[in-house]
Amino acid sequence: MTTKLHARCDARGRPLGFVVTGGEAHDIKGFAPLMRMIADKIEALLADKGGLS
C-alpha cells in the first residue's frame, strides 16, 4: 500500500493545497481537485506531461 501526495504551489514553490491518492492511481486523479481550487485565478500554468507520449 502506497500513497501519492499531489501539491499545488505558488510561483515561489510554496505549497497551497494538497490531494492524497492511492499509489496505484494515475497522477491525473489529483489534478482536477487542485485546479478547481484556483480555476478562476489562473494567469499562467507550468506543468509537464510525465511519462505520457
C-alpha atoms as a PDB file:
ATOM      1  CA  MET A   1       0.000   0.000   0.000  1.00  0.00           C
ATOM      2  CA  THR A   2       1.405   3.346  -1.065  1.00  0.00           C
ATOM      3  CA  THR A   3       0.086   6.870  -1.483  1.00  0.00           C
ATOM      4  CA  LYS A   4       0.833   9.892  -3.642  1.00  0.00           C
ATOM      5  CA  LEU A   5       0.757  13.456  -2.440  1.00  0.00           C
ATOM      6  CA  HIS A   6      -0.227  15.948  -5.160  1.00  0.00           C
ATOM      7  CA  ALA A   7       0.571  19.574  -4.360  1.00  0.00           C
ATOM      8  CA  ARG A   8      -0.477  22.924  -5.751  1.00  0.00           C
ATOM      9  CA  CYS A   9       2.204  25.586  -5.289  1.00  0.00           C
ATOM     10  CA  ASP A  10       2.546  29.302  -5.888  1.00  0.00           C
ATOM     11  CA  ALA A  11       5.157  30.920  -8.140  1.00  0.00           C
ATOM     12  CA  ARG A  12       7.730  30.681  -5.352  1.00  0.00           C
ATOM     13  CA  GLY A  13       7.189  26.954  -4.858  1.00  0.00           C
ATOM     14  CA  ARG A  14       5.261  27.340  -1.611  1.00  0.00           C
ATOM     15  CA  PRO A  15       2.538  24.690  -1.178  1.00  0.00           C
ATOM     16  CA  LEU A  16      -1.053  25.993  -1.272  1.00  0.00           C
ATOM     17  CA  GLY A  17      -3.130  22.819  -1.468  1.00  0.00           C
ATOM     18  CA  PHE A  18      -2.761  19.047  -1.296  1.00  0.00           C
ATOM     19  CA  VAL A  19      -4.626  15.971  -2.534  1.00  0.00           C
ATOM     20  CA  VAL A  20      -3.713  12.437  -1.436  1.00  0.00           C
ATOM     21  CA  THR A  21      -4.437   9.498  -3.758  1.00  0.00           C
ATOM     22  CA  GLY A  22      -3.603   5.826  -3.772  1.00  0.00           C
ATOM     23  CA  GLY A  23      -0.127   4.972  -5.030  1.00  0.00           C
ATOM     24  CA  GLU A  24      -1.528   2.977  -7.943  1.00  0.00           C
ATOM     25  CA  ALA A  25      -3.721   5.870  -9.133  1.00  0.00           C
ATOM     26  CA  HIS A  26      -2.690   7.884 -12.176  1.00  0.00           C
ATOM     27  CA  ASP A  27      -1.444  11.400 -11.444  1.00  0.00           C
ATOM     28  CA  ILE A  28      -4.389  12.919 -13.330  1.00  0.00           C
ATOM     29  CA  LYS A  29      -6.603  11.912 -10.389  1.00  0.00           C
ATOM     30  CA  GLY A  30      -5.011  14.664  -8.289  1.00  0.00           C
ATOM     31  CA  PHE A  31      -5.143  17.320 -11.000  1.00  0.00           C
ATOM     32  CA  ALA A  32      -8.866  18.146 -11.147  1.00  0.00           C
ATOM     33  CA  PRO A  33      -9.397  18.783  -7.414  1.00  0.00           C
ATOM     34  CA  LEU A  34      -6.341  21.033  -7.255  1.00  0.00           C
ATOM     35  CA  MET A  35      -7.332  23.013 -10.357  1.00  0.00           C
ATOM     36  CA  ARG A  36     -10.901  23.551  -9.146  1.00  0.00           C
ATOM     37  CA  MET A  37      -9.458  25.421  -6.165  1.00  0.00           C
ATOM     38  CA  ILE A  38      -7.990  28.123  -8.409  1.00  0.00           C
ATOM     39  CA  ALA A  39      -9.617  27.833 -11.844  1.00  0.00           C
ATOM     40  CA  ASP A  40     -10.892  31.420 -11.779  1.00  0.00           C
ATOM     41  CA  LYS A  41      -7.485  32.855 -10.773  1.00  0.00           C
ATOM     42  CA  ILE A  42      -5.137  31.204 -13.295  1.00  0.00           C
ATOM     43  CA  GLU A  43      -2.923  33.603 -15.252  1.00  0.00           C
ATOM     44  CA  ALA A  44      -0.266  31.064 -16.249  1.00  0.00           C
ATOM     45  CA  LEU A  45       0.260  27.324 -15.831  1.00  0.00           C
ATOM     46  CA  LEU A  46       3.520  25.371 -15.733  1.00  0.00           C
ATOM     47  CA  ALA A  47       3.200  21.591 -15.975  1.00  0.00           C
ATOM     48  CA  ASP A  48       4.773  18.529 -17.513  1.00  0.00           C
ATOM     49  CA  LYS A  49       3.222  15.500 -19.093  1.00  0.00           C
ATOM     50  CA  GLY A  50       5.101  12.937 -17.045  1.00  0.00           C
ATOM     51  CA  GLY A  51       5.829   9.758 -18.960  1.00  0.00           C
ATOM     52  CA  LEU A  52       2.937  10.140 -21.386  1.00  0.00           C
ATOM     53  CA  SER A  53       3.655  10.459 -25.060  1.00  0.00           C
END
